[in-house]
Amino acid sequence: MSELHKIKSSESDKLKAISALGKKAVNGSDIDLTGFTNPEKELPYQPDPSVLPLQDKEQILSSGVILDTPVDRSGTFLQMDNTPVHF
């Protein structure tokens, strides 16, 4: 499995992000970050995206991506929540 799916952030990046939480937006309206949640667990990498759960595949199909037949696509990158699950 490729290490591309593991993005490491530095401690200074984390501190910058935390310090920016209280800042007002310079342009446009503020975004309420409390309305967003992180998934409790990361999803595993899937070398074969056709084995994803049926509910997920139906949602992906609604965007026009057919996962069951690789000849219908030239390349696929799937990210679910914050995790790349196939590339």
Protein backbone atom coordinates (compact mmCIF):
# COMPACT_ATOMS: atom_id res chain seq x y z
CA MET A 1 0.00 0.00 0.00
CA SER A 2 1.27 3.44 -0.88
CA GLU A 3 2.25 5.88 1.84
CA LEU A 4 0.53 8.70 -0.06
CA HIS A 5 -2.60 8.27 2.01
CA LYS A 6 -0.74 9.15 5.22
CA ILE A 7 -0.34 12.91 5.46
CA LYS A 8 1.75 13.97 8.39
CA SER A 9 1.28 17.43 9.84
CA SER A 10 3.94 19.12 11.87
CA GLU A 11 3.41 20.39 15.39
CA SER A 12 3.78 23.97 14.13
CA ASP A 13 0.98 23.39 11.58
CA LYS A 14 -1.28 22.14 14.37
CA LEU A 15 -0.48 25.16 16.55
CA LYS A 16 -1.20 27.55 13.66
CA ALA A 17 -4.55 25.88 13.04
CA ILE A 18 -5.51 26.03 16.72
CA SER A 19 -4.55 29.70 16.98
CA ALA A 20 -6.64 30.51 13.89
CA LEU A 21 -9.83 29.03 15.34
CA GLY A 22 -10.90 32.30 16.97
CA LYS A 23 -9.99 34.61 14.08
CA LYS A 24 -12.70 36.37 12.12
CA ALA A 25 -12.84 35.88 8.36
CA VAL A 26 -11.15 38.67 6.38
CA ASN A 27 -13.47 38.17 3.40
CA GLY A 28 -16.98 36.73 3.52
CA SER A 29 -18.81 35.21 6.43
CA ASP A 30 -17.33 33.07 9.18
CA ILE A 31 -17.73 29.29 9.12
CA ASP A 32 -18.98 27.60 12.27
CA LEU A 33 -16.55 24.70 12.68
CA THR A 34 -18.62 23.15 15.47
CA GLY A 35 -21.06 21.95 12.81
CA PHE A 36 -18.46 19.57 11.39
CA THR A 37 -17.26 16.28 12.85
CA ASN A 38 -14.36 13.99 12.09
CA PRO A 39 -14.99 10.31 11.53
CA GLU A 40 -14.20 8.15 14.51
CA LYS A 41 -11.99 5.81 12.51
CA GLU A 42 -10.10 5.90 9.25
CA LEU A 43 -11.34 3.68 6.48
CA PRO A 44 -8.99 1.00 5.14
CA TYR A 45 -7.36 1.26 1.72
CA GLN A 46 -9.25 -0.78 -0.88
CA PRO A 47 -7.08 -2.11 -3.72
CA ASP A 48 -10.29 -3.17 -5.49
CA PRO A 49 -13.01 -0.50 -5.18
CA SER A 50 -15.66 -2.92 -6.45
CA VAL A 51 -15.67 -4.57 -2.99
CA LEU A 52 -16.92 -1.43 -1.25
CA PRO A 53 -20.29 -1.77 0.52
CA LEU A 54 -23.33 -1.58 -1.77
CA GLN A 55 -24.62 1.62 -0.14
CA ASP A 56 -21.30 3.38 -0.82
CA LYS A 57 -21.17 2.12 -4.40
CA GLU A 58 -24.72 3.38 -5.05
CA GLN A 59 -23.77 6.81 -3.73
CA ILE A 60 -20.65 6.85 -5.93
CA LEU A 61 -22.70 5.67 -8.92
CA SER A 62 -25.03 8.64 -8.46
CA SER A 63 -22.03 10.86 -9.25
CA GLY A 64 -21.38 8.91 -12.45
CA VAL A 65 -18.54 6.60 -11.41
CA ILE A 66 -19.02 2.89 -12.12
CA LEU A 67 -16.81 0.83 -9.82
CA ASP A 68 -17.76 -2.71 -10.80
CA THR A 69 -16.09 -2.70 -14.22
CA PRO A 70 -12.60 -1.19 -14.43
CA VAL A 71 -12.77 -0.96 -18.24
CA ASP A 72 -15.37 1.83 -17.84
CA ARG A 73 -12.87 4.14 -16.15
CA SER A 74 -9.30 5.16 -16.86
CA GLY A 75 -8.37 6.02 -13.28
CA THR A 76 -10.11 6.36 -9.96
CA PHE A 77 -9.37 8.28 -6.79
CA LEU A 78 -11.84 7.71 -3.97
CA GLN A 79 -11.81 9.71 -0.77
CA MET A 80 -14.37 8.95 1.91
CA ASP A 81 -14.56 11.36 4.83
CA ASN A 82 -10.91 12.40 5.26
CA THR A 83 -9.35 9.17 4.02
CA PRO A 84 -8.26 8.21 0.49
CA VAL A 85 -9.62 4.67 0.12
CA HIS A 86 -8.52 3.95 -3.45
CA PHE A 87 -6.11 5.49 -5.95
